[in-house]
Amino acid sequence: MTKLDKLLVLLGNPCECNEETAEMCLSMAEDAVLDYIGRSELPKGAESIVIKLAVIYYNRLGNEGESSRSEGGISQSFVTDIPEDIKKQLWNYPRKVGVIHNETVEE
């Protein structure tokens, strides 16, 4: 089963979701995970984290830029960053550290 198939199942397959939109959310989630852990390739085992984040991204569609909303006595708050529980899972994949070249300039 591919990552996209797993995402579609979580979104309620067969869902009325646009497969192209789901694929885009999956790509954005993978980019966010790679950026967070500072790597260029997704480590084995991190696929489920990407799928969880893609579900959040998909459910966030249409509410971009909002952190909370109140209408008719009903309040909603939206996740605006990678949720803490997902960040904790990403701690299992430490950032790859590169060598930073530090030059001193003589006056």
PDB file of N, CA and C in Angstrom:
ATOM      1  N   MET A   1       0.851  -1.177   0.000  1.00  0.00           N
ATOM      2  CA  MET A   1       0.000   0.000   0.000  1.00  0.00           C
ATOM      3  C   MET A   1       0.897   1.241   0.000  1.00  0.00           C
ATOM      4  N   THR A   2       0.633   2.173  -0.894  1.00  0.00           N
ATOM      5  CA  THR A   2       1.448   3.386  -0.992  1.00  0.00           C
ATOM      6  C   THR A   2       1.048   4.386   0.090  1.00  0.00           C
ATOM      7  N   LYS A   3       1.890   5.412   0.257  1.00  0.00           N
ATOM      8  CA  LYS A   3       1.553   6.474   1.220  1.00  0.00           C
ATOM      9  C   LYS A   3       0.236   7.132   0.839  1.00  0.00           C
ATOM     10  N   LEU A   4       0.028   7.353  -0.456  1.00  0.00           N
ATOM     11  CA  LEU A   4      -1.214   7.981  -0.913  1.00  0.00           C
ATOM     12  C   LEU A   4      -2.414   7.101  -0.594  1.00  0.00           C
ATOM     13  N   ASP A   5      -2.301   5.794  -0.812  1.00  0.00           N
ATOM     14  CA  ASP A   5      -3.396   4.873  -0.486  1.00  0.00           C
ATOM     15  C   ASP A   5      -3.727   4.930   1.007  1.00  0.00           C
ATOM     16  N   LYS A   6      -2.690   4.946   1.833  1.00  0.00           N
ATOM     17  CA  LYS A   6      -2.900   5.012   3.288  1.00  0.00           C
ATOM     18  C   LYS A   6      -3.567   6.324   3.678  1.00  0.00           C
ATOM     19  N   LEU A   7      -3.140   7.419   3.054  1.00  0.00           N
ATOM     20  CA  LEU A   7      -3.739   8.727   3.338  1.00  0.00           C
ATOM     21  C   LEU A   7      -5.214   8.726   2.948  1.00  0.00           C
ATOM     22  N   LEU A   8      -5.531   8.187   1.776  1.00  0.00           N
ATOM     23  CA  LEU A   8      -6.925   8.156   1.326  1.00  0.00           C
ATOM     24  C   LEU A   8      -7.794   7.313   2.257  1.00  0.00           C
ATOM     25  N   VAL A   9      -7.241   6.228   2.795  1.00  0.00           N
ATOM     26  CA  VAL A   9      -7.984   5.415   3.763  1.00  0.00           C
ATOM     27  C   VAL A   9      -8.298   6.243   5.001  1.00  0.00           C
ATOM     28  N   LEU A  10      -7.303   6.971   5.504  1.00  0.00           N
ATOM     29  CA  LEU A  10      -7.516   7.794   6.697  1.00  0.00           C
ATOM     30  C   LEU A  10      -8.503   8.936   6.445  1.00  0.00           C
ATOM     31  N   LEU A  11      -8.545   9.418   5.211  1.00  0.00           N
ATOM     32  CA  LEU A  11      -9.473  10.495   4.877  1.00  0.00           C
ATOM     33  C   LEU A  11     -10.884   9.968   4.613  1.00  0.00           C
ATOM     34  N   GLY A  12     -11.044   8.660   4.615  1.00  0.00           N
ATOM     35  CA  GLY A  12     -12.360   8.067   4.430  1.00  0.00           C
ATOM     36  C   GLY A  12     -12.553   7.540   3.032  1.00  0.00           C
ATOM     37  N   ASN A  13     -11.687   6.654   2.610  1.00  0.00           N
ATOM     38  CA  ASN A  13     -11.765   6.096   1.268  1.00  0.00           C
ATOM     39  C   ASN A  13     -12.947   5.134   1.160  1.00  0.00           C
ATOM     40  N   PRO A  14     -13.826   5.156   0.193  1.00  0.00           N
ATOM     41  CA  PRO A  14     -13.773   6.153  -0.875  1.00  0.00           C
ATOM     42  C   PRO A  14     -14.332   7.478  -0.366  1.00  0.00           C
ATOM     43  N   CYS A  15     -13.512   8.477  -0.406  1.00  0.00           N
ATOM     44  CA  CYS A  15     -13.926   9.782   0.065  1.00  0.00           C
ATOM     45  C   CYS A  15     -14.195  10.690  -1.126  1.00  0.00           C
ATOM     46  N   GLU A  16     -14.785  11.805  -0.852  1.00  0.00           N
ATOM     47  CA  GLU A  16     -15.045  12.767  -1.912  1.00  0.00           C
ATOM     48  C   GLU A  16     -13.846  13.689  -2.080  1.00  0.00           C
ATOM     49  N   CYS A  17     -12.724  13.278  -1.524  1.00  0.00           N
ATOM     50  CA  CYS A  17     -11.530  14.108  -1.606  1.00  0.00           C
ATOM     51  C   CYS A  17     -10.910  13.999  -2.993  1.00  0.00           C
ATOM     52  N   ASN A  18     -10.253  15.043  -3.347  1.00  0.00           N
ATOM     53  CA  ASN A  18      -9.547  15.102  -4.614  1.00  0.00           C
ATOM     54  C   ASN A  18      -8.205  14.402  -4.421  1.00  0.00           C
ATOM     55  N   GLU A  19      -7.950  13.371  -5.202  1.00  0.00           N
ATOM     56  CA  GLU A  19      -6.714  12.597  -5.065  1.00  0.00           C
ATOM     57  C   GLU A  19      -5.487  13.475  -5.310  1.00  0.00           C
ATOM     58  N   GLU A  20      -5.612  14.414  -6.244  1.00  0.00           N
ATOM     59  CA  GLU A  20      -4.502  15.319  -6.545  1.00  0.00           C
ATOM     60  C   GLU A  20      -4.194  16.219  -5.341  1.00  0.00           C
ATOM     61  N   THR A  21      -5.247  16.690  -4.674  1.00  0.00           N
ATOM     62  CA  THR A  21      -5.076  17.531  -3.489  1.00  0.00           C
ATOM     63  C   THR A  21      -4.442  16.723  -2.358  1.00  0.00           C
ATOM     64  N   ALA A  22      -4.888  15.482  -2.193  1.00  0.00           N
ATOM     65  CA  ALA A  22      -4.320  14.612  -1.164  1.00  0.00           C
ATOM     66  C   ALA A  22      -2.843  14.362  -1.429  1.00  0.00           C
ATOM     67  N   GLU A  23      -2.501  14.167  -2.695  1.00  0.00           N
ATOM     68  CA  GLU A  23      -1.099  13.946  -3.068  1.00  0.00           C
ATOM     69  C   GLU A  23      -0.255  15.190  -2.773  1.00  0.00           C
ATOM     70  N   MET A  24      -0.815  16.362  -3.027  1.00  0.00           N
ATOM     71  CA  MET A  24      -0.114  17.621  -2.744  1.00  0.00           C
ATOM     72  C   MET A  24       0.110  17.778  -1.237  1.00  0.00           C
ATOM     73  N   CYS A  25      -0.894  17.447  -0.429  1.00  0.00           N
ATOM     74  CA  CYS A  25      -0.758  17.517   1.030  1.00  0.00           C
ATOM     75  C   CYS A  25       0.317  16.552   1.517  1.00  0.00           C
ATOM     76  N   LEU A  26       0.378  15.389   0.895  1.00  0.00           N
ATOM     77  CA  LEU A  26       1.398  14.402   1.234  1.00  0.00           C
ATOM     78  C   LEU A  26       2.789  14.936   0.919  1.00  0.00           C
ATOM     79  N   SER A  27       2.935  15.577  -0.218  1.00  0.00           N
ATOM     80  CA  SER A  27       4.216  16.148  -0.620  1.00  0.00           C
ATOM     81  C   SER A  27       4.633  17.281   0.329  1.00  0.00           C
ATOM     82  N   MET A  28       3.679  18.135   0.688  1.00  0.00           N
ATOM     83  CA  MET A  28       3.988  19.242   1.606  1.00  0.00           C
ATOM     84  C   MET A  28       4.361  18.713   2.990  1.00  0.00           C
ATOM     85  N   ALA A  29       3.681  17.659   3.434  1.00  0.00           N
ATOM     86  CA  ALA A  29       3.983  17.068   4.742  1.00  0.00           C
ATOM     87  C   ALA A  29       5.376  16.456   4.745  1.00  0.00           C
ATOM     88  N   GLU A  30       5.731  15.782   3.657  1.00  0.00           N
ATOM     89  CA  GLU A  30       7.072  15.189   3.573  1.00  0.00           C
ATOM     90  C   GLU A  30       8.132  16.289   3.575  1.00  0.00           C
ATOM     91  N   ASP A  31       7.886  17.376   2.839  1.00  0.00           N
ATOM     92  CA  ASP A  31       8.830  18.506   2.829  1.00  0.00           C
ATOM     93  C   ASP A  31       8.991  19.091   4.230  1.00  0.00           C
ATOM     94  N   ALA A  32       7.882  19.224   4.958  1.00  0.00           N
ATOM     95  CA  ALA A  32       7.930  19.788   6.314  1.00  0.00           C
ATOM     96  C   ALA A  32       8.726  18.885   7.255  1.00  0.00           C
ATOM     97  N   VAL A  33       8.524  17.582   7.148  1.00  0.00           N
ATOM     98  CA  VAL A  33       9.252  16.630   7.990  1.00  0.00           C
ATOM     99  C   VAL A  33      10.740  16.674   7.673  1.00  0.00           C
ATOM    100  N   LEU A  34      11.080  16.645   6.384  1.00  0.00           N
ATOM    101  CA  LEU A  34      12.494  16.696   5.991  1.00  0.00           C
ATOM    102  C   LEU A  34      13.154  17.984   6.461  1.00  0.00           C
ATOM    103  N   ASP A  35      12.431  19.093   6.356  1.00  0.00           N
ATOM    104  CA  ASP A  35      12.965  20.373   6.821  1.00  0.00           C
ATOM    105  C   ASP A  35      13.173  20.352   8.332  1.00  0.00           C
ATOM    106  N   TYR A  36      12.224  19.787   9.061  1.00  0.00           N
ATOM    107  CA  TYR A  36      12.300  19.755  10.524  1.00  0.00           C
ATOM    108  C   TYR A  36      13.474  18.916  11.012  1.00  0.00           C
ATOM    109  N   ILE A  37      13.715  17.777  10.331  1.00  0.00           N
ATOM    110  CA  ILE A  37      14.810  16.909  10.781  1.00  0.00           C
ATOM    111  C   ILE A  37      16.117  17.207  10.052  1.00  0.00           C
ATOM    112  N   GLY A  38      16.089  18.148   9.121  1.00  0.00           N
ATOM    113  CA  GLY A  38      17.316  18.573   8.443  1.00  0.00           C
ATOM    114  C   GLY A  38      17.937  17.505   7.565  1.00  0.00           C
ATOM    115  N   ARG A  39      17.115  16.772   6.862  1.00  0.00           N
ATOM    116  CA  ARG A  39      17.623  15.709   5.988  1.00  0.00           C
ATOM    117  C   ARG A  39      17.069  15.883   4.583  1.00  0.00           C
ATOM    118  N   SER A  40      17.686  15.197   3.632  1.00  0.00           N
ATOM    119  CA  SER A  40      17.208  15.270   2.254  1.00  0.00           C
ATOM    120  C   SER A  40      16.414  14.029   1.861  1.00  0.00           C
ATOM    121  N   GLU A  41      16.526  12.964   2.651  1.00  0.00           N
ATOM    122  CA  GLU A  41      15.772  11.742   2.402  1.00  0.00           C
ATOM    123  C   GLU A  41      14.999  11.350   3.641  1.00  0.00           C
ATOM    124  N   LEU A  42      13.799  10.831   3.436  1.00  0.00           N
ATOM    125  CA  LEU A  42      12.949  10.410   4.542  1.00  0.00           C
ATOM    126  C   LEU A  42      13.491   9.123   5.156  1.00  0.00           C
ATOM    127  N   PRO A  43      13.750   9.122   6.478  1.00  0.00           N
ATOM    128  CA  PRO A  43      14.243   7.901   7.126  1.00  0.00           C
ATOM    129  C   PRO A  43      13.168   6.814   7.136  1.00  0.00           C
ATOM    130  N   LYS A  44      13.613   5.566   7.157  1.00  0.00           N
ATOM    131  CA  LYS A  44      12.662   4.461   7.279  1.00  0.00           C
ATOM    132  C   LYS A  44      11.916   4.637   8.593  1.00  0.00           C
ATOM    133  N   GLY A  45      10.658   4.362   8.578  1.00  0.00           N
ATOM    134  CA  GLY A  45       9.862   4.471   9.794  1.00  0.00           C
ATOM    135  C   GLY A  45       9.171   5.808   9.948  1.00  0.00           C
ATOM    136  N   ALA A  46       9.563   6.805   9.181  1.00  0.00           N
ATOM    137  CA  ALA A  46       8.958   8.135   9.313  1.00  0.00           C
ATOM    138  C   ALA A  46       7.756   8.313   8.380  1.00  0.00           C
ATOM    139  N   GLU A  47       7.471   7.306   7.585  1.00  0.00           N
ATOM    140  CA  GLU A  47       6.359   7.396   6.632  1.00  0.00           C
ATOM    141  C   GLU A  47       5.034   7.666   7.341  1.00  0.00           C
ATOM    142  N   SER A  48       4.789   6.989   8.459  1.00  0.00           N
ATOM    143  CA  SER A  48       3.515   7.172   9.173  1.00  0.00           C
ATOM    144  C   SER A  48       3.388   8.594   9.717  1.00  0.00           C
ATOM    145  N   ILE A  49       4.506   9.195  10.076  1.00  0.00           N
ATOM    146  CA  ILE A  49       4.490  10.576  10.568  1.00  0.00           C
ATOM    147  C   ILE A  49       4.082  11.518   9.439  1.00  0.00           C
ATOM    148  N   VAL A  50       4.616  11.279   8.252  1.00  0.00           N
ATOM    149  CA  VAL A  50       4.276  12.095   7.091  1.00  0.00           C
ATOM    150  C   VAL A  50       2.780  11.985   6.790  1.00  0.00           C
ATOM    151  N   ILE A  51       2.246  10.775   6.869  1.00  0.00           N
ATOM    152  CA  ILE A  51       0.827  10.554   6.584  1.00  0.00           C
ATOM    153  C   ILE A  51      -0.045  11.275   7.609  1.00  0.00           C
ATOM    154  N   LYS A  52       0.321  11.196   8.901  1.00  0.00           N
ATOM    155  CA  LYS A  52      -0.434  11.918   9.939  1.00  0.00           C
ATOM    156  C   LYS A  52      -0.454  13.419   9.664  1.00  0.00           C
ATOM    157  N   LEU A  53       0.697  13.958   9.311  1.00  0.00           N
ATOM    158  CA  LEU A  53       0.796  15.388   9.035  1.00  0.00           C
ATOM    159  C   LEU A  53       0.009  15.754   7.779  1.00  0.00           C
ATOM    160  N   ALA A  54      -0.007  14.876   6.786  1.00  0.00           N
ATOM    161  CA  ALA A  54      -0.774  15.118   5.561  1.00  0.00           C
ATOM    162  C   ALA A  54      -2.273  15.182   5.856  1.00  0.00           C
ATOM    163  N   VAL A  55      -2.754  14.352   6.779  1.00  0.00           N
ATOM    164  CA  VAL A  55      -4.169  14.408   7.183  1.00  0.00           C
ATOM    165  C   VAL A  55      -4.480  15.773   7.777  1.00  0.00           C
ATOM    166  N   ILE A  56      -3.583  16.265   8.630  1.00  0.00           N
ATOM    167  CA  ILE A  56      -3.769  17.585   9.241  1.00  0.00           C
ATOM    168  C   ILE A  56      -3.782  18.659   8.172  1.00  0.00           C
ATOM    169  N   TYR A  57      -2.843  18.595   7.233  1.00  0.00           N
ATOM    170  CA  TYR A  57      -2.788  19.571   6.146  1.00  0.00           C
ATOM    171  C   TYR A  57      -4.062  19.523   5.309  1.00  0.00           C
ATOM    172  N   TYR A  58      -4.566  18.320   5.028  1.00  0.00           N
ATOM    173  CA  TYR A  58      -5.781  18.185   4.223  1.00  0.00           C
ATOM    174  C   TYR A  58      -6.976  18.800   4.957  1.00  0.00           C
ATOM    175  N   ASN A  59      -7.075  18.503   6.236  1.00  0.00           N
ATOM    176  CA  ASN A  59      -8.201  19.021   7.025  1.00  0.00           C
ATOM    177  C   ASN A  59      -8.113  20.526   7.250  1.00  0.00           C
ATOM    178  N   ARG A  60      -6.928  21.079   7.096  1.00  0.00           N
ATOM    179  CA  ARG A  60      -6.704  22.514   7.286  1.00  0.00           C
ATOM    180  C   ARG A  60      -7.088  23.326   6.041  1.00  0.00           C
ATOM    181  N   LEU A  61      -7.275  22.645   4.904  1.00  0.00           N
ATOM    182  CA  LEU A  61      -7.592  23.343   3.660  1.00  0.00           C
ATOM    183  C   LEU A  61      -8.843  24.209   3.823  1.00  0.00           C
ATOM    184  N   GLY A  62      -8.762  25.414   3.313  1.00  0.00           N
ATOM    185  CA  GLY A  62      -9.881  26.355   3.424  1.00  0.00           C
ATOM    186  C   GLY A  62      -9.801  27.224   4.665  1.00  0.00           C
ATOM    187  N   ASN A  63      -8.902  26.881   5.580  1.00  0.00           N
ATOM    188  CA  ASN A  63      -8.744  27.655   6.815  1.00  0.00           C
ATOM    189  C   ASN A  63      -7.338  28.223   6.933  1.00  0.00           C
ATOM    190  N   GLU A  64      -6.629  28.290   5.806  1.00  0.00           N
ATOM    191  CA  GLU A  64      -5.260  28.778   5.830  1.00  0.00           C
ATOM    192  C   GLU A  64      -5.226  30.196   6.397  1.00  0.00           C
ATOM    193  N   GLY A  65      -4.257  30.436   7.240  1.00  0.00           N
ATOM    194  CA  GLY A  65      -4.077  31.761   7.812  1.00  0.00           C
ATOM    195  C   GLY A  65      -4.899  32.013   9.063  1.00  0.00           C
ATOM    196  N   GLU A  66      -5.803  31.118   9.417  1.00  0.00           N
ATOM    197  CA  GLU A  66      -6.614  31.302  10.615  1.00  0.00           C
ATOM    198  C   GLU A  66      -6.016  30.512  11.773  1.00  0.00           C
ATOM    199  N   SER A  67      -6.027  31.120  12.946  1.00  0.00           N
ATOM    200  CA  SER A  67      -5.600  30.380  14.131  1.00  0.00           C
ATOM    201  C   SER A  67      -6.805  30.044  15.009  1.00  0.00           C
ATOM    202  N   SER A  68      -7.876  30.851  14.903  1.00  0.00           N
ATOM    203  CA  SER A  68      -9.114  30.541  15.621  1.00  0.00           C
ATOM    204  C   SER A  68     -10.269  31.281  14.960  1.00  0.00           C
ATOM    205  N   ARG A  69     -11.493  30.808  15.267  1.00  0.00           N
ATOM    206  CA  ARG A  69     -12.695  31.412  14.698  1.00  0.00           C
ATOM    207  C   ARG A  69     -13.855  31.193  15.653  1.00  0.00           C
ATOM    208  N   SER A  70     -14.713  32.194  15.778  1.00  0.00           N
ATOM    209  CA  SER A  70     -15.931  32.074  16.579  1.00  0.00           C
ATOM    210  C   SER A  70     -17.111  32.507  15.729  1.00  0.00           C
ATOM    211  N   GLU A  71     -18.132  31.662  15.692  1.00  0.00           N
ATOM    212  CA  GLU A  71     -19.353  31.975  14.965  1.00  0.00           C
ATOM    213  C   GLU A  71     -20.537  31.439  15.752  1.00  0.00           C
ATOM    214  N   GLY A  72     -21.495  32.295  16.041  1.00  0.00           N
ATOM    215  CA  GLY A  72     -22.722  31.857  16.708  1.00  0.00           C
ATOM    216  C   GLY A  72     -22.482  31.078  17.980  1.00  0.00           C
ATOM    217  N   GLY A  73     -21.521  31.495  18.770  1.00  0.00           N
ATOM    218  CA  GLY A  73     -21.233  30.836  20.034  1.00  0.00           C
ATOM    219  C   GLY A  73     -20.379  29.574  19.909  1.00  0.00           C
ATOM    220  N   ILE A  74     -19.988  29.236  18.711  1.00  0.00           N
ATOM    221  CA  ILE A  74     -19.133  28.065  18.500  1.00  0.00           C
ATOM    222  C   ILE A  74     -17.726  28.551  18.183  1.00  0.00           C
ATOM    223  N   SER A  75     -16.763  28.060  18.950  1.00  0.00           N
ATOM    224  CA  SER A  75     -15.370  28.454  18.749  1.00  0.00           C
ATOM    225  C   SER A  75     -14.566  27.285  18.192  1.00  0.00           C
ATOM    226  N   GLN A  76     -13.662  27.609  17.279  1.00  0.00           N
ATOM    227  CA  GLN A  76     -12.747  26.613  16.723  1.00  0.00           C
ATOM    228  C   GLN A  76     -11.343  27.167  16.805  1.00  0.00           C
ATOM    229  N   SER A  77     -10.377  26.310  17.113  1.00  0.00           N
ATOM    230  CA  SER A  77      -8.979  26.714  17.007  1.00  0.00           C
ATOM    231  C   SER A  77      -8.296  25.750  16.062  1.00  0.00           C
ATOM    232  N   PHE A  78      -7.310  26.278  15.354  1.00  0.00           N
ATOM    233  CA  PHE A  78      -6.636  25.515  14.323  1.00  0.00           C
ATOM    234  C   PHE A  78      -5.167  25.357  14.668  1.00  0.00           C
ATOM    235  N   VAL A  79      -4.624  24.208  14.318  1.00  0.00           N
ATOM    236  CA  VAL A  79      -3.201  23.958  14.480  1.00  0.00           C
ATOM    237  C   VAL A  79      -2.486  24.761  13.398  1.00  0.00           C
ATOM    238  N   THR A  80      -1.509  25.560  13.796  1.00  0.00           N
ATOM    239  CA  THR A  80      -0.817  26.396  12.817  1.00  0.00           C
ATOM    240  C   THR A  80       0.623  25.955  12.569  1.00  0.00           C
ATOM    241  N   ASP A  81       1.077  24.936  13.264  1.00  0.00           N
ATOM    242  CA  ASP A  81       2.442  24.442  13.123  1.00  0.00           C
ATOM    243  C   ASP A  81       2.387  22.917  13.181  1.00  0.00           C
ATOM    244  N   ILE A  82       3.528  22.280  13.143  1.00  0.00           N
ATOM    245  CA  ILE A  82       3.561  20.830  13.334  1.00  0.00           C
ATOM    246  C   ILE A  82       3.164  20.571  14.795  1.00  0.00           C
ATOM    247  N   PRO A  83       2.132  19.750  15.034  1.00  0.00           N
ATOM    248  CA  PRO A  83       1.692  19.487  16.411  1.00  0.00           C
ATOM    249  C   PRO A  83       2.794  18.864  17.265  1.00  0.00           C
ATOM    250  N   GLU A  84       2.722  19.124  18.553  1.00  0.00           N
ATOM    251  CA  GLU A  84       3.750  18.653  19.492  1.00  0.00           C
ATOM    252  C   GLU A  84       3.903  17.134  19.490  1.00  0.00           C
ATOM    253  N   ASP A  85       2.802  16.393  19.368  1.00  0.00           N
ATOM    254  CA  ASP A  85       2.924  14.935  19.385  1.00  0.00           C
ATOM    255  C   ASP A  85       3.708  14.424  18.168  1.00  0.00           C
ATOM    256  N   ILE A  86       3.565  15.098  17.038  1.00  0.00           N
ATOM    257  CA  ILE A  86       4.330  14.715  15.851  1.00  0.00           C
ATOM    258  C   ILE A  86       5.788  15.144  16.014  1.00  0.00           C
ATOM    259  N   LYS A  87       6.018  16.320  16.591  1.00  0.00           N
ATOM    260  CA  LYS A  87       7.394  16.760  16.843  1.00  0.00           C
ATOM    261  C   LYS A  87       8.118  15.769  17.751  1.00  0.00           C
ATOM    262  N   LYS A  88       7.409  15.252  18.764  1.00  0.00           N
ATOM    263  CA  LYS A  88       8.026  14.279  19.675  1.00  0.00           C
ATOM    264  C   LYS A  88       8.429  13.012  18.928  1.00  0.00           C
ATOM    265  N   GLN A  89       7.613  12.595  17.974  1.00  0.00           N
ATOM    266  CA  GLN A  89       7.972  11.427  17.173  1.00  0.00           C
ATOM    267  C   GLN A  89       9.196  11.717  16.313  1.00  0.00           C
ATOM    268  N   LEU A  90       9.316  12.939  15.837  1.00  0.00           N
ATOM    269  CA  LEU A  90      10.438  13.316  14.973  1.00  0.00           C
ATOM    270  C   LEU A  90      11.751  13.414  15.747  1.00  0.00           C
ATOM    271  N   TRP A  91      11.681  13.488  17.071  1.00  0.00           N
ATOM    272  CA  TRP A  91      12.906  13.509  17.876  1.00  0.00           C
ATOM    273  C   TRP A  91      13.683  12.205  17.708  1.00  0.00           C
ATOM    274  N   ASN A  92      13.012  11.135  17.256  1.00  0.00           N
ATOM    275  CA  ASN A  92      13.688   9.863  17.019  1.00  0.00           C
ATOM    276  C   ASN A  92      14.624   9.924  15.812  1.00  0.00           C
ATOM    277  N   TYR A  93      14.518  11.000  15.047  1.00  0.00           N
ATOM    278  CA  TYR A  93      15.332  11.169  13.845  1.00  0.00           C
ATOM    279  C   TYR A  93      16.151  12.451  13.991  1.00  0.00           C
ATOM    280  N   PRO A  94      17.282  12.384  14.712  1.00  0.00           N
ATOM    281  CA  PRO A  94      18.066  13.587  14.968  1.00  0.00           C
ATOM    282  C   PRO A  94      18.543  14.237  13.672  1.00  0.00           C
ATOM    283  N   ARG A  95      18.673  15.549  13.738  1.00  0.00           N
ATOM    284  CA  ARG A  95      19.148  16.315  12.582  1.00  0.00           C
ATOM    285  C   ARG A  95      20.545  15.846  12.198  1.00  0.00           C
ATOM    286  N   LYS A  96      20.774  15.771  10.909  1.00  0.00           N
ATOM    287  CA  LYS A  96      22.129  15.479  10.444  1.00  0.00           C
ATOM    288  C   LYS A  96      22.907  16.772  10.527  1.00  0.00           C
ATOM    289  N   VAL A  97      24.013  16.730  11.210  1.00  0.00           N
ATOM    290  CA  VAL A  97      24.796  17.934  11.449  1.00  0.00           C
ATOM    291  C   VAL A  97      25.889  18.029  10.401  1.00  0.00           C
ATOM    292  N   GLY A  98      25.970  19.182   9.776  1.00  0.00           N
ATOM    293  CA  GLY A  98      27.027  19.430   8.811  1.00  0.00           C
ATOM    294  C   GLY A  98      28.094  20.285   9.451  1.00  0.00           C
ATOM    295  N   VAL A  99      29.218  20.355   8.828  1.00  0.00           N
ATOM    296  CA  VAL A  99      30.310  21.175   9.332  1.00  0.00           C
ATOM    297  C   VAL A  99      30.095  22.598   8.838  1.00  0.00           C
ATOM    298  N   ILE A 100      30.115  23.527   9.749  1.00  0.00           N
ATOM    299  CA  ILE A 100      29.972  24.930   9.397  1.00  0.00           C
ATOM    300  C   ILE A 100      31.359  25.544   9.372  1.00  0.00           C
ATOM    301  N   HIS A 101      31.701  26.137   8.269  1.00  0.00           N
ATOM    302  CA  HIS A 101      33.016  26.751   8.112  1.00  0.00           C
ATOM    303  C   HIS A 101      32.973  28.126   8.740  1.00  0.00           C
ATOM    304  N   ASN A 102      33.841  28.375   9.689  1.00  0.00           N
ATOM    305  CA  ASN A 102      33.871  29.648  10.398  1.00  0.00           C
ATOM    306  C   ASN A 102      35.180  30.346  10.091  1.00  0.00           C
ATOM    307  N   GLU A 103      35.105  31.466   9.420  1.00  0.00           N
ATOM    308  CA  GLU A 103      36.313  32.210   9.086  1.00  0.00           C
ATOM    309  C   GLU A 103      36.446  33.402  10.024  1.00  0.00           C
ATOM    310  N   THR A 104      37.671  33.693  10.406  1.00  0.00           N
ATOM    311  CA  THR A 104      37.919  34.899  11.168  1.00  0.00           C
ATOM    312  C   THR A 104      38.607  35.906  10.234  1.00  0.00           C
ATOM    313  N   VAL A 105      38.139  37.105  10.316  1.00  0.00           N
ATOM    314  CA  VAL A 105      38.695  38.140   9.458  1.00  0.00           C
ATOM    315  C   VAL A 105      39.655  38.973  10.268  1.00  0.00           C
ATOM    316  N   GLU A 106      40.872  39.103   9.758  1.00  0.00           N
ATOM    317  CA  GLU A 106      41.870  39.906  10.460  1.00  0.00           C
ATOM    318  C   GLU A 106      41.723  41.352  10.034  1.00  0.00           C
ATOM    319  N   GLU A 107      41.831  42.245  11.003  1.00  0.00           N
ATOM    320  CA  GLU A 107      41.720  43.670  10.692  1.00  0.00           C
ATOM    321  C   GLU A 107      43.069  44.266  10.384  1.00  0.00           C
TER     322      GLU A 107
END
